[in-house]
């Protein structure tokens, strides 16, 4: 089968701009079903995510940035902080580095500043 022809809302086959997702307004690669899959970015009122996506959710590695300036860099699964990651405060202070399970950090590899 031939790839879909470019359109004004989807100028490059396999790429979409400004599609609403559960995480925010998405720009990036999409799968054959048109859902976010591959590299992309989503921006919402309180946060943004840039990184890998699978089946319309952040999955793999990426960076969450939050309105207050805090940032998480690391592994995600199903849109949740899951695996190894680092949470840094907006002032640049690293708060936690280690394993995460569904947005919660486990016993610390390192907790800084406390």
PDB file of N, CA and C in Angstrom:
ATOM      1  N   UNK A   1       0.833  -1.191   0.000  1.00  0.00           N
ATOM      2  CA  UNK A   1       0.000   0.000   0.000  1.00  0.00           C
ATOM      3  C   UNK A   1       0.869   1.241   0.000  1.00  0.00           C
ATOM      4  N   UNK A   2       0.353   2.271  -0.586  1.00  0.00           N
ATOM      5  CA  UNK A   2       1.060   3.544  -0.658  1.00  0.00           C
ATOM      6  C   UNK A   2       0.773   4.375   0.583  1.00  0.00           C
ATOM      7  N   UNK A   3       1.773   5.146   1.078  1.00  0.00           N
ATOM      8  CA  UNK A   3       1.509   6.014   2.232  1.00  0.00           C
ATOM      9  C   UNK A   3       0.491   7.090   1.867  1.00  0.00           C
ATOM     10  N   UNK A   4      -0.186   7.573   2.883  1.00  0.00           N
ATOM     11  CA  UNK A   4      -1.189   8.620   2.681  1.00  0.00           C
ATOM     12  C   UNK A   4      -0.525   9.877   2.137  1.00  0.00           C
ATOM     13  N   UNK A   5      -1.241  10.567   1.293  1.00  0.00           N
ATOM     14  CA  UNK A   5      -0.733  11.819   0.729  1.00  0.00           C
ATOM     15  C   UNK A   5      -0.771  12.908   1.792  1.00  0.00           C
ATOM     16  N   UNK A   6       0.162  13.861   1.720  1.00  0.00           N
ATOM     17  CA  UNK A   6       0.140  14.980   2.664  1.00  0.00           C
ATOM     18  C   UNK A   6      -1.157  15.780   2.553  1.00  0.00           C
ATOM     19  N   UNK A   7      -1.608  16.298   3.688  1.00  0.00           N
ATOM     20  CA  UNK A   7      -2.787  17.157   3.749  1.00  0.00           C
ATOM     21  C   UNK A   7      -2.417  18.382   4.567  1.00  0.00           C
ATOM     22  N   UNK A   8      -3.246  19.424   4.597  1.00  0.00           N
ATOM     23  CA  UNK A   8      -2.910  20.604   5.402  1.00  0.00           C
ATOM     24  C   UNK A   8      -2.724  20.303   6.884  1.00  0.00           C
ATOM     25  N   UNK A   9      -3.488  19.354   7.442  1.00  0.00           N
ATOM     26  CA  UNK A   9      -3.350  19.046   8.869  1.00  0.00           C
ATOM     27  C   UNK A   9      -2.314  17.971   9.122  1.00  0.00           C
ATOM     28  N   UNK A  10      -1.913  17.244   8.102  1.00  0.00           N
ATOM     29  CA  UNK A  10      -0.909  16.194   8.225  1.00  0.00           C
ATOM     30  C   UNK A  10       0.018  16.284   7.011  1.00  0.00           C
ATOM     31  N   UNK A  11       0.933  17.295   6.989  1.00  0.00           N
ATOM     32  CA  UNK A  11       1.722  17.547   5.794  1.00  0.00           C
ATOM     33  C   UNK A  11       2.727  16.452   5.462  1.00  0.00           C
ATOM     34  N   UNK A  12       3.125  15.644   6.423  1.00  0.00           N
ATOM     35  CA  UNK A  12       4.075  14.571   6.184  1.00  0.00           C
ATOM     36  C   UNK A  12       3.451  13.266   6.654  1.00  0.00           C
ATOM     37  N   UNK A  13       3.325  12.258   5.766  1.00  0.00           N
ATOM     38  CA  UNK A  13       2.774  10.975   6.213  1.00  0.00           C
ATOM     39  C   UNK A  13       3.566  10.432   7.403  1.00  0.00           C
ATOM     40  N   UNK A  14       2.866   9.920   8.421  1.00  0.00           N
ATOM     41  CA  UNK A  14       3.524   9.418   9.618  1.00  0.00           C
ATOM     42  C   UNK A  14       3.874  10.497  10.626  1.00  0.00           C
ATOM     43  N   UNK A  15       3.460  11.725  10.373  1.00  0.00           N
ATOM     44  CA  UNK A  15       3.745  12.843  11.271  1.00  0.00           C
ATOM     45  C   UNK A  15       2.474  13.668  11.407  1.00  0.00           C
ATOM     46  N   UNK A  16       2.196  14.130  12.620  1.00  0.00           N
ATOM     47  CA  UNK A  16       0.998  14.937  12.841  1.00  0.00           C
ATOM     48  C   UNK A  16       1.361  16.168  13.660  1.00  0.00           C
ATOM     49  N   UNK A  17       0.651  17.246  13.424  1.00  0.00           N
ATOM     50  CA  UNK A  17       0.845  18.454  14.213  1.00  0.00           C
ATOM     51  C   UNK A  17      -0.440  18.779  14.954  1.00  0.00           C
ATOM     52  N   UNK A  18      -0.275  19.092  16.234  1.00  0.00           N
ATOM     53  CA  UNK A  18      -1.356  19.621  17.064  1.00  0.00           C
ATOM     54  C   UNK A  18      -2.596  18.744  17.111  1.00  0.00           C
ATOM     55  N   UNK A  19      -2.423  17.550  17.653  1.00  0.00           N
ATOM     56  CA  UNK A  19      -3.545  16.648  17.907  1.00  0.00           C
ATOM     57  C   UNK A  19      -3.723  16.527  19.418  1.00  0.00           C
ATOM     58  N   UNK A  20      -4.959  16.651  19.893  1.00  0.00           N
ATOM     59  CA  UNK A  20      -5.248  16.532  21.324  1.00  0.00           C
ATOM     60  C   UNK A  20      -5.078  15.079  21.762  1.00  0.00           C
ATOM     61  N   UNK A  21      -4.336  14.864  22.857  1.00  0.00           N
ATOM     62  CA  UNK A  21      -4.177  13.538  23.453  1.00  0.00           C
ATOM     63  C   UNK A  21      -4.502  13.646  24.938  1.00  0.00           C
ATOM     64  N   UNK A  22      -4.435  12.529  25.643  1.00  0.00           N
ATOM     65  CA  UNK A  22      -4.667  12.528  27.088  1.00  0.00           C
ATOM     66  C   UNK A  22      -3.601  13.330  27.827  1.00  0.00           C
ATOM     67  N   UNK A  23      -2.440  13.531  27.197  1.00  0.00           N
ATOM     68  CA  UNK A  23      -1.331  14.234  27.840  1.00  0.00           C
ATOM     69  C   UNK A  23      -1.263  15.701  27.437  1.00  0.00           C
ATOM     70  N   UNK A  24      -1.900  16.089  26.331  1.00  0.00           N
ATOM     71  CA  UNK A  24      -1.877  17.476  25.874  1.00  0.00           C
ATOM     72  C   UNK A  24      -1.924  17.547  24.359  1.00  0.00           C
ATOM     73  N   UNK A  25      -1.601  18.702  23.823  1.00  0.00           N
ATOM     74  CA  UNK A  25      -1.563  18.892  22.374  1.00  0.00           C
ATOM     75  C   UNK A  25      -0.276  18.265  21.845  1.00  0.00           C
ATOM     76  N   UNK A  26      -0.415  17.260  20.972  1.00  0.00           N
ATOM     77  CA  UNK A  26       0.698  16.434  20.504  1.00  0.00           C
ATOM     78  C   UNK A  26       1.177  16.857  19.126  1.00  0.00           C
ATOM     79  N   UNK A  27       2.497  16.850  18.953  1.00  0.00           N
ATOM     80  CA  UNK A  27       3.137  17.025  17.659  1.00  0.00           C
ATOM     81  C   UNK A  27       4.217  15.954  17.553  1.00  0.00           C
ATOM     82  N   UNK A  28       4.181  15.159  16.483  1.00  0.00           N
ATOM     83  CA  UNK A  28       5.230  14.158  16.320  1.00  0.00           C
ATOM     84  C   UNK A  28       4.815  13.004  15.451  1.00  0.00           C
ATOM     85  N   UNK A  29       5.543  11.910  15.576  1.00  0.00           N
ATOM     86  CA  UNK A  29       5.297  10.723  14.779  1.00  0.00           C
ATOM     87  C   UNK A  29       4.027  10.021  15.234  1.00  0.00           C
ATOM     88  N   UNK A  30       3.379   9.366  14.278  1.00  0.00           N
ATOM     89  CA  UNK A  30       2.179   8.587  14.577  1.00  0.00           C
ATOM     90  C   UNK A  30       2.311   7.211  13.944  1.00  0.00           C
ATOM     91  N   UNK A  31       1.571   6.245  14.515  1.00  0.00           N
ATOM     92  CA  UNK A  31       1.536   4.903  13.968  1.00  0.00           C
ATOM     93  C   UNK A  31       0.538   4.809  12.828  1.00  0.00           C
ATOM     94  N   UNK A  32       0.377   3.609  12.284  1.00  0.00           N
ATOM     95  CA  UNK A  32      -0.550   3.402  11.168  1.00  0.00           C
ATOM     96  C   UNK A  32      -1.992   3.689  11.557  1.00  0.00           C
ATOM     97  N   UNK A  33      -2.286   3.642  12.864  1.00  0.00           N
ATOM     98  CA  UNK A  33      -3.643   3.949  13.333  1.00  0.00           C
ATOM     99  C   UNK A  33      -3.849   5.448  13.573  1.00  0.00           C
ATOM    100  N   UNK A  34      -2.809   6.258  13.316  1.00  0.00           N
ATOM    101  CA  UNK A  34      -2.909   7.698  13.497  1.00  0.00           C
ATOM    102  C   UNK A  34      -2.664   8.166  14.918  1.00  0.00           C
ATOM    103  N   UNK A  35      -2.375   7.249  15.839  1.00  0.00           N
ATOM    104  CA  UNK A  35      -2.126   7.603  17.240  1.00  0.00           C
ATOM    105  C   UNK A  35      -0.645   7.898  17.453  1.00  0.00           C
ATOM    106  N   UNK A  36      -0.316   8.753  18.453  1.00  0.00           N
ATOM    107  CA  UNK A  36       1.081   9.039  18.741  1.00  0.00           C
ATOM    108  C   UNK A  36       1.890   7.760  18.963  1.00  0.00           C
ATOM    109  N   UNK A  37       2.980   7.630  18.211  1.00  0.00           N
ATOM    110  CA  UNK A  37       3.837   6.452  18.304  1.00  0.00           C
ATOM    111  C   UNK A  37       5.181   6.820  17.677  1.00  0.00           C
ATOM    112  N   UNK A  38       6.241   6.786  18.468  1.00  0.00           N
ATOM    113  CA  UNK A  38       7.557   7.223  18.007  1.00  0.00           C
ATOM    114  C   UNK A  38       7.993   8.428  18.810  1.00  0.00           C
ATOM    115  N   UNK A  39       8.705   9.341  18.185  1.00  0.00           N
ATOM    116  CA  UNK A  39       9.153  10.545  18.886  1.00  0.00           C
ATOM    117  C   UNK A  39       8.130  11.659  18.745  1.00  0.00           C
ATOM    118  N   UNK A  40       7.887  12.361  19.864  1.00  0.00           N
ATOM    119  CA  UNK A  40       6.930  13.453  19.810  1.00  0.00           C
ATOM    120  C   UNK A  40       6.946  14.297  21.062  1.00  0.00           C
ATOM    121  N   UNK A  41       6.103  15.336  21.026  1.00  0.00           N
ATOM    122  CA  UNK A  41       6.003  16.277  22.141  1.00  0.00           C
ATOM    123  C   UNK A  41       4.540  16.600  22.384  1.00  0.00           C
ATOM    124  N   UNK A  42       4.169  16.692  23.656  1.00  0.00           N
ATOM    125  CA  UNK A  42       2.823  17.124  24.025  1.00  0.00           C
ATOM    126  C   UNK A  42       2.944  18.268  25.022  1.00  0.00           C
ATOM    127  N   UNK A  43       2.105  19.276  24.832  1.00  0.00           N
ATOM    128  CA  UNK A  43       2.113  20.445  25.712  1.00  0.00           C
ATOM    129  C   UNK A  43       0.719  20.618  26.294  1.00  0.00           C
ATOM    130  N   UNK A  44       0.640  20.754  27.620  1.00  0.00           N
ATOM    131  CA  UNK A  44      -0.614  20.995  28.336  1.00  0.00           C
ATOM    132  C   UNK A  44      -0.428  22.235  29.210  1.00  0.00           C
ATOM    133  N   UNK A  45      -1.479  22.648  29.889  1.00  0.00           N
ATOM    134  CA  UNK A  45      -1.427  23.860  30.711  1.00  0.00           C
ATOM    135  C   UNK A  45      -0.395  23.759  31.836  1.00  0.00           C
ATOM    136  N   UNK A  46      -0.293  22.611  32.489  1.00  0.00           N
ATOM    137  CA  UNK A  46       0.571  22.464  33.660  1.00  0.00           C
ATOM    138  C   UNK A  46       1.879  21.732  33.386  1.00  0.00           C
ATOM    139  N   UNK A  47       2.011  21.106  32.214  1.00  0.00           N
ATOM    140  CA  UNK A  47       3.211  20.314  31.953  1.00  0.00           C
ATOM    141  C   UNK A  47       3.423  20.111  30.460  1.00  0.00           C
ATOM    142  N   UNK A  48       4.580  19.535  30.144  1.00  0.00           N
ATOM    143  CA  UNK A  48       4.869  19.137  28.780  1.00  0.00           C
ATOM    144  C   UNK A  48       5.694  17.852  28.834  1.00  0.00           C
ATOM    145  N   UNK A  49       5.609  17.053  27.773  1.00  0.00           N
ATOM    146  CA  UNK A  49       6.423  15.844  27.673  1.00  0.00           C
ATOM    147  C   UNK A  49       7.041  15.799  26.293  1.00  0.00           C
ATOM    148  N   UNK A  50       8.317  15.460  26.251  1.00  0.00           N
ATOM    149  CA  UNK A  50       9.005  15.279  24.981  1.00  0.00           C
ATOM    150  C   UNK A  50       9.814  14.000  25.068  1.00  0.00           C
ATOM    151  N   UNK A  51       9.574  13.107  24.097  1.00  0.00           N
ATOM    152  CA  UNK A  51      10.296  11.843  24.107  1.00  0.00           C
ATOM    153  C   UNK A  51       9.591  10.786  23.287  1.00  0.00           C
ATOM    154  N   UNK A  52       9.743   9.549  23.716  1.00  0.00           N
ATOM    155  CA  UNK A  52       9.182   8.403  23.004  1.00  0.00           C
ATOM    156  C   UNK A  52       7.733   8.139  23.417  1.00  0.00           C
ATOM    157  N   UNK A  53       6.943   7.708  22.432  1.00  0.00           N
ATOM    158  CA  UNK A  53       5.523   7.397  22.638  1.00  0.00           C
ATOM    159  C   UNK A  53       5.229   6.005  22.088  1.00  0.00           C
ATOM    160  N   UNK A  54       4.266   5.326  22.687  1.00  0.00           N
ATOM    161  CA  UNK A  54       3.760   4.057  22.169  1.00  0.00           C
ATOM    162  C   UNK A  54       2.271   4.010  22.465  1.00  0.00           C
ATOM    163  N   UNK A  55       1.492   3.715  21.456  1.00  0.00           N
ATOM    164  CA  UNK A  55       0.039   3.551  21.609  1.00  0.00           C
ATOM    165  C   UNK A  55      -0.601   4.750  22.310  1.00  0.00           C
ATOM    166  N   UNK A  56      -0.229   5.953  21.875  1.00  0.00           N
ATOM    167  CA  UNK A  56      -0.819   7.225  22.308  1.00  0.00           C
ATOM    168  C   UNK A  56      -0.410   7.690  23.703  1.00  0.00           C
ATOM    169  N   UNK A  57       0.577   7.023  24.336  1.00  0.00           N
ATOM    170  CA  UNK A  57       1.041   7.450  25.657  1.00  0.00           C
ATOM    171  C   UNK A  57       2.559   7.525  25.690  1.00  0.00           C
ATOM    172  N   UNK A  58       3.110   8.413  26.527  1.00  0.00           N
ATOM    173  CA  UNK A  58       4.559   8.421  26.691  1.00  0.00           C
ATOM    174  C   UNK A  58       5.049   7.051  27.149  1.00  0.00           C
ATOM    175  N   UNK A  59       6.101   6.551  26.494  1.00  0.00           N
ATOM    176  CA  UNK A  59       6.656   5.233  26.822  1.00  0.00           C
ATOM    177  C   UNK A  59       8.096   5.165  26.337  1.00  0.00           C
ATOM    178  N   UNK A  60       8.987   4.726  27.183  1.00  0.00           N
ATOM    179  CA  UNK A  60      10.403   4.662  26.821  1.00  0.00           C
ATOM    180  C   UNK A  60      11.172   5.671  27.641  1.00  0.00           C
ATOM    181  N   UNK A  61      11.801   6.624  26.992  1.00  0.00           N
ATOM    182  CA  UNK A  61      12.531   7.668  27.701  1.00  0.00           C
ATOM    183  C   UNK A  61      12.038   9.034  27.252  1.00  0.00           C
ATOM    184  N   UNK A  62      12.133   9.983  28.166  1.00  0.00           N
ATOM    185  CA  UNK A  62      11.699  11.322  27.825  1.00  0.00           C
ATOM    186  C   UNK A  62      11.876  12.286  28.974  1.00  0.00           C
ATOM    187  N   UNK A  63      11.383  13.493  28.748  1.00  0.00           N
ATOM    188  CA  UNK A  63      11.486  14.564  29.735  1.00  0.00           C
ATOM    189  C   UNK A  63      10.100  15.161  29.958  1.00  0.00           C
ATOM    190  N   UNK A  64       9.670  15.174  31.215  1.00  0.00           N
ATOM    191  CA  UNK A  64       8.479  15.924  31.624  1.00  0.00           C
ATOM    192  C   UNK A  64       8.965  17.248  32.183  1.00  0.00           C
ATOM    193  N   UNK A  65       8.382  18.337  31.732  1.00  0.00           N
ATOM    194  CA  UNK A  65       8.653  19.646  32.310  1.00  0.00           C
ATOM    195  C   UNK A  65       7.365  20.163  32.924  1.00  0.00           C
ATOM    196  N   UNK A  66       7.460  20.767  34.092  1.00  0.00           N
ATOM    197  CA  UNK A  66       6.279  21.222  34.809  1.00  0.00           C
ATOM    198  C   UNK A  66       6.254  22.741  34.889  1.00  0.00           C
ATOM    199  N   UNK A  67       5.067  23.296  35.014  1.00  0.00           N
ATOM    200  CA  UNK A  67       4.861  24.747  35.017  1.00  0.00           C
ATOM    201  C   UNK A  67       5.722  25.456  36.059  1.00  0.00           C
ATOM    202  N   UNK A  68       5.956  24.814  37.203  1.00  0.00           N
ATOM    203  CA  UNK A  68       6.743  25.437  38.263  1.00  0.00           C
ATOM    204  C   UNK A  68       8.250  25.393  37.990  1.00  0.00           C
ATOM    205  N   UNK A  69       8.660  24.789  36.863  1.00  0.00           N
ATOM    206  CA  UNK A  69      10.070  24.724  36.513  1.00  0.00           C
ATOM    207  C   UNK A  69      10.732  23.404  36.826  1.00  0.00           C
ATOM    208  N   UNK A  70      10.081  22.543  37.601  1.00  0.00           N
ATOM    209  CA  UNK A  70      10.626  21.224  37.903  1.00  0.00           C
ATOM    210  C   UNK A  70      10.656  20.377  36.634  1.00  0.00           C
ATOM    211  N   UNK A  71      11.547  19.392  36.595  1.00  0.00           N
ATOM    212  CA  UNK A  71      11.647  18.524  35.426  1.00  0.00           C
ATOM    213  C   UNK A  71      12.006  17.104  35.850  1.00  0.00           C
ATOM    214  N   UNK A  72      11.453  16.148  35.129  1.00  0.00           N
ATOM    215  CA  UNK A  72      11.799  14.733  35.291  1.00  0.00           C
ATOM    216  C   UNK A  72      12.414  14.271  33.985  1.00  0.00           C
ATOM    217  N   UNK A  73      13.554  13.633  34.077  1.00  0.00           N
ATOM    218  CA  UNK A  73      14.220  13.075  32.905  1.00  0.00           C
ATOM    219  C   UNK A  73      14.469  11.602  33.180  1.00  0.00           C
ATOM    220  N   UNK A  74      13.902  10.739  32.332  1.00  0.00           N
ATOM    221  CA  UNK A  74      14.109   9.316  32.566  1.00  0.00           C
ATOM    222  C   UNK A  74      13.105   8.453  31.846  1.00  0.00           C
ATOM    223  N   UNK A  75      12.893   7.273  32.393  1.00  0.00           N
ATOM    224  CA  UNK A  75      12.019   6.285  31.785  1.00  0.00           C
ATOM    225  C   UNK A  75      10.562   6.515  32.171  1.00  0.00           C
ATOM    226  N   UNK A  76       9.688   6.218  31.229  1.00  0.00           N
ATOM    227  CA  UNK A  76       8.248   6.313  31.445  1.00  0.00           C
ATOM    228  C   UNK A  76       7.587   5.080  30.834  1.00  0.00           C
ATOM    229  N   UNK A  77       6.419   4.741  31.353  1.00  0.00           N
ATOM    230  CA  UNK A  77       5.648   3.615  30.820  1.00  0.00           C
ATOM    231  C   UNK A  77       4.171   3.944  30.979  1.00  0.00           C
ATOM    232  N   UNK A  78       3.442   3.892  29.902  1.00  0.00           N
ATOM    233  CA  UNK A  78       2.015   4.194  29.971  1.00  0.00           C
ATOM    234  C   UNK A  78       1.730   5.593  30.473  1.00  0.00           C
ATOM    235  N   UNK A  79       2.648   6.519  30.213  1.00  0.00           N
ATOM    236  CA  UNK A  79       2.466   7.895  30.645  1.00  0.00           C
ATOM    237  C   UNK A  79       2.896   8.169  32.067  1.00  0.00           C
ATOM    238  N   UNK A  80       3.352   7.148  32.780  1.00  0.00           N
ATOM    239  CA  UNK A  80       3.743   7.301  34.186  1.00  0.00           C
ATOM    240  C   UNK A  80       5.259   7.219  34.337  1.00  0.00           C
ATOM    241  N   UNK A  81       5.784   7.902  35.369  1.00  0.00           N
ATOM    242  CA  UNK A  81       7.207   7.797  35.692  1.00  0.00           C
ATOM    243  C   UNK A  81       7.445   6.370  36.145  1.00  0.00           C
ATOM    244  N   UNK A  82       8.245   5.635  35.399  1.00  0.00           N
ATOM    245  CA  UNK A  82       8.407   4.197  35.672  1.00  0.00           C
ATOM    246  C   UNK A  82       9.780   3.780  35.183  1.00  0.00           C
ATOM    247  N   UNK A  83      10.647   3.385  36.119  1.00  0.00           N
ATOM    248  CA  UNK A  83      12.021   3.013  35.784  1.00  0.00           C
ATOM    249  C   UNK A  83      12.979   4.019  36.371  1.00  0.00           C
ATOM    250  N   UNK A  84      14.162   4.096  35.802  1.00  0.00           N
ATOM    251  CA  UNK A  84      15.174   5.012  36.329  1.00  0.00           C
ATOM    252  C   UNK A  84      14.906   6.431  35.846  1.00  0.00           C
ATOM    253  N   UNK A  85      15.011   7.398  36.774  1.00  0.00           N
ATOM    254  CA  UNK A  85      14.810   8.788  36.397  1.00  0.00           C
ATOM    255  C   UNK A  85      15.338   9.752  37.438  1.00  0.00           C
ATOM    256  N   UNK A  86      15.434  11.009  37.026  1.00  0.00           N
ATOM    257  CA  UNK A  86      15.947  12.076  37.888  1.00  0.00           C
ATOM    258  C   UNK A  86      14.918  13.205  37.924  1.00  0.00           C
ATOM    259  N   UNK A  87      14.551  13.632  39.133  1.00  0.00           N
ATOM    260  CA  UNK A  87      13.667  14.780  39.321  1.00  0.00           C
ATOM    261  C   UNK A  87      14.512  15.953  39.781  1.00  0.00           C
ATOM    262  N   UNK A  88      14.434  17.044  39.019  1.00  0.00           N
ATOM    263  CA  UNK A  88      15.211  18.244  39.307  1.00  0.00           C
ATOM    264  C   UNK A  88      14.261  19.403  39.558  1.00  0.00           C
ATOM    265  N   UNK A  89      14.518  20.158  40.627  1.00  0.00           N
ATOM    266  CA  UNK A  89      13.723  21.342  40.911  1.00  0.00           C
ATOM    267  C   UNK A  89      14.031  22.431  39.885  1.00  0.00           C
ATOM    268  N   UNK A  90      13.138  23.406  39.787  1.00  0.00           N
ATOM    269  CA  UNK A  90      13.301  24.508  38.852  1.00  0.00           C
ATOM    270  C   UNK A  90      14.570  25.314  39.054  1.00  0.00           C
ATOM    271  N   UNK A  91      15.104  25.315  40.269  1.00  0.00           N
ATOM    272  CA  UNK A  91      16.336  26.061  40.535  1.00  0.00           C
ATOM    273  C   UNK A  91      17.589  25.273  40.165  1.00  0.00           C
ATOM    274  N   UNK A  92      17.404  24.045  39.620  1.00  0.00           N
ATOM    275  CA  UNK A  92      18.532  23.227  39.197  1.00  0.00           C
ATOM    276  C   UNK A  92      18.983  22.196  40.216  1.00  0.00           C
ATOM    277  N   UNK A  93      18.425  22.229  41.427  1.00  0.00           N
ATOM    278  CA  UNK A  93      18.785  21.260  42.455  1.00  0.00           C
ATOM    279  C   UNK A  93      18.176  19.904  42.132  1.00  0.00           C
ATOM    280  N   UNK A  94      19.006  18.863  42.105  1.00  0.00           N
ATOM    281  CA  UNK A  94      18.492  17.510  41.898  1.00  0.00           C
ATOM    282  C   UNK A  94      17.847  17.049  43.191  1.00  0.00           C
ATOM    283  N   UNK A  95      16.560  16.692  43.127  1.00  0.00           N
ATOM    284  CA  UNK A  95      15.839  16.225  44.308  1.00  0.00           C
ATOM    285  C   UNK A  95      16.002  14.724  44.486  1.00  0.00           C
ATOM    286  N   UNK A  96      15.797  13.951  43.428  1.00  0.00           N
ATOM    287  CA  UNK A  96      15.836  12.495  43.540  1.00  0.00           C
ATOM    288  C   UNK A  96      16.389  11.884  42.273  1.00  0.00           C
ATOM    289  N   UNK A  97      17.243  10.883  42.450  1.00  0.00           N
ATOM    290  CA  UNK A  97      17.779  10.094  41.345  1.00  0.00           C
ATOM    291  C   UNK A  97      17.637   8.635  41.725  1.00  0.00           C
ATOM    292  N   UNK A  98      16.900   7.857  40.925  1.00  0.00           N
ATOM    293  CA  UNK A  98      16.707   6.446  41.247  1.00  0.00           C
ATOM    294  C   UNK A  98      15.507   5.866  40.537  1.00  0.00           C
ATOM    295  N   UNK A  99      14.972   4.785  41.104  1.00  0.00           N
ATOM    296  CA  UNK A  99      13.864   4.041  40.503  1.00  0.00           C
ATOM    297  C   UNK A  99      12.510   4.643  40.872  1.00  0.00           C
ATOM    298  N   UNK A 100      11.617   4.675  39.890  1.00  0.00           N
ATOM    299  CA  UNK A 100      10.262   5.174  40.058  1.00  0.00           C
ATOM    300  C   UNK A 100       9.273   4.078  39.686  1.00  0.00           C
ATOM    301  N   UNK A 101       8.142   4.054  40.386  1.00  0.00           N
ATOM    302  CA  UNK A 101       7.051   3.148  40.055  1.00  0.00           C
ATOM    303  C   UNK A 101       5.762   3.963  40.082  1.00  0.00           C
ATOM    304  N   UNK A 102       5.159   4.158  38.923  1.00  0.00           N
ATOM    305  CA  UNK A 102       3.892   4.885  38.772  1.00  0.00           C
ATOM    306  C   UNK A 102       3.871   6.216  39.518  1.00  0.00           C
ATOM    307  N   UNK A 103       4.809   7.059  39.223  1.00  0.00           N
ATOM    308  CA  UNK A 103       4.964   8.410  39.773  1.00  0.00           C
ATOM    309  C   UNK A 103       5.551   8.466  41.179  1.00  0.00           C
ATOM    310  N   UNK A 104       5.804   7.327  41.814  1.00  0.00           N
ATOM    311  CA  UNK A 104       6.372   7.334  43.160  1.00  0.00           C
ATOM    312  C   UNK A 104       7.814   6.858  43.108  1.00  0.00           C
ATOM    313  N   UNK A 105       8.694   7.510  43.901  1.00  0.00           N
ATOM    314  CA  UNK A 105      10.060   7.016  43.925  1.00  0.00           C
ATOM    315  C   UNK A 105      10.208   5.966  45.019  1.00  0.00           C
ATOM    316  N   UNK A 106      11.089   4.993  44.745  1.00  0.00           N
ATOM    317  CA  UNK A 106      11.376   3.919  45.694  1.00  0.00           C
ATOM    318  C   UNK A 106      12.445   4.394  46.667  1.00  0.00           C
ATOM    319  N   UNK A 107      12.885   3.502  47.532  1.00  0.00           N
ATOM    320  CA  UNK A 107      13.964   3.879  48.435  1.00  0.00           C
ATOM    321  C   UNK A 107      15.072   4.516  47.614  1.00  0.00           C
ATOM    322  N   UNK A 108      15.591   5.602  48.098  1.00  0.00           N
ATOM    323  CA  UNK A 108      16.459   6.419  47.250  1.00  0.00           C
ATOM    324  C   UNK A 108      17.789   5.786  46.903  1.00  0.00           C
ATOM    325  N   UNK A 109      18.153   5.985  45.657  1.00  0.00           N
ATOM    326  CA  UNK A 109      19.533   5.815  45.255  1.00  0.00           C
ATOM    327  C   UNK A 109      20.268   7.046  45.788  1.00  0.00           C
ATOM    328  N   UNK A 110      19.646   8.212  45.562  1.00  0.00           N
ATOM    329  CA  UNK A 110      20.148   9.468  46.117  1.00  0.00           C
ATOM    330  C   UNK A 110      19.003  10.448  46.262  1.00  0.00           C
ATOM    331  N   UNK A 111      18.879  11.073  47.421  1.00  0.00           N
ATOM    332  CA  UNK A 111      18.006  12.229  47.613  1.00  0.00           C
ATOM    333  C   UNK A 111      18.895  13.373  48.020  1.00  0.00           C
ATOM    334  N   UNK A 112      18.725  14.494  47.351  1.00  0.00           N
ATOM    335  CA  UNK A 112      19.620  15.622  47.540  1.00  0.00           C
ATOM    336  C   UNK A 112      18.921  16.739  48.297  1.00  0.00           C
ATOM    337  N   UNK A 113      19.651  17.464  49.083  1.00  0.00           N
ATOM    338  CA  UNK A 113      19.170  18.685  49.702  1.00  0.00           C
ATOM    339  C   UNK A 113      18.300  18.481  50.927  1.00  0.00           C
ATOM    340  N   UNK A 114      18.195  17.270  51.444  1.00  0.00           N
ATOM    341  CA  UNK A 114      17.345  17.053  52.624  1.00  0.00           C
ATOM    342  C   UNK A 114      18.108  16.315  53.688  1.00  0.00           C
TER     343      UNK A 114
END
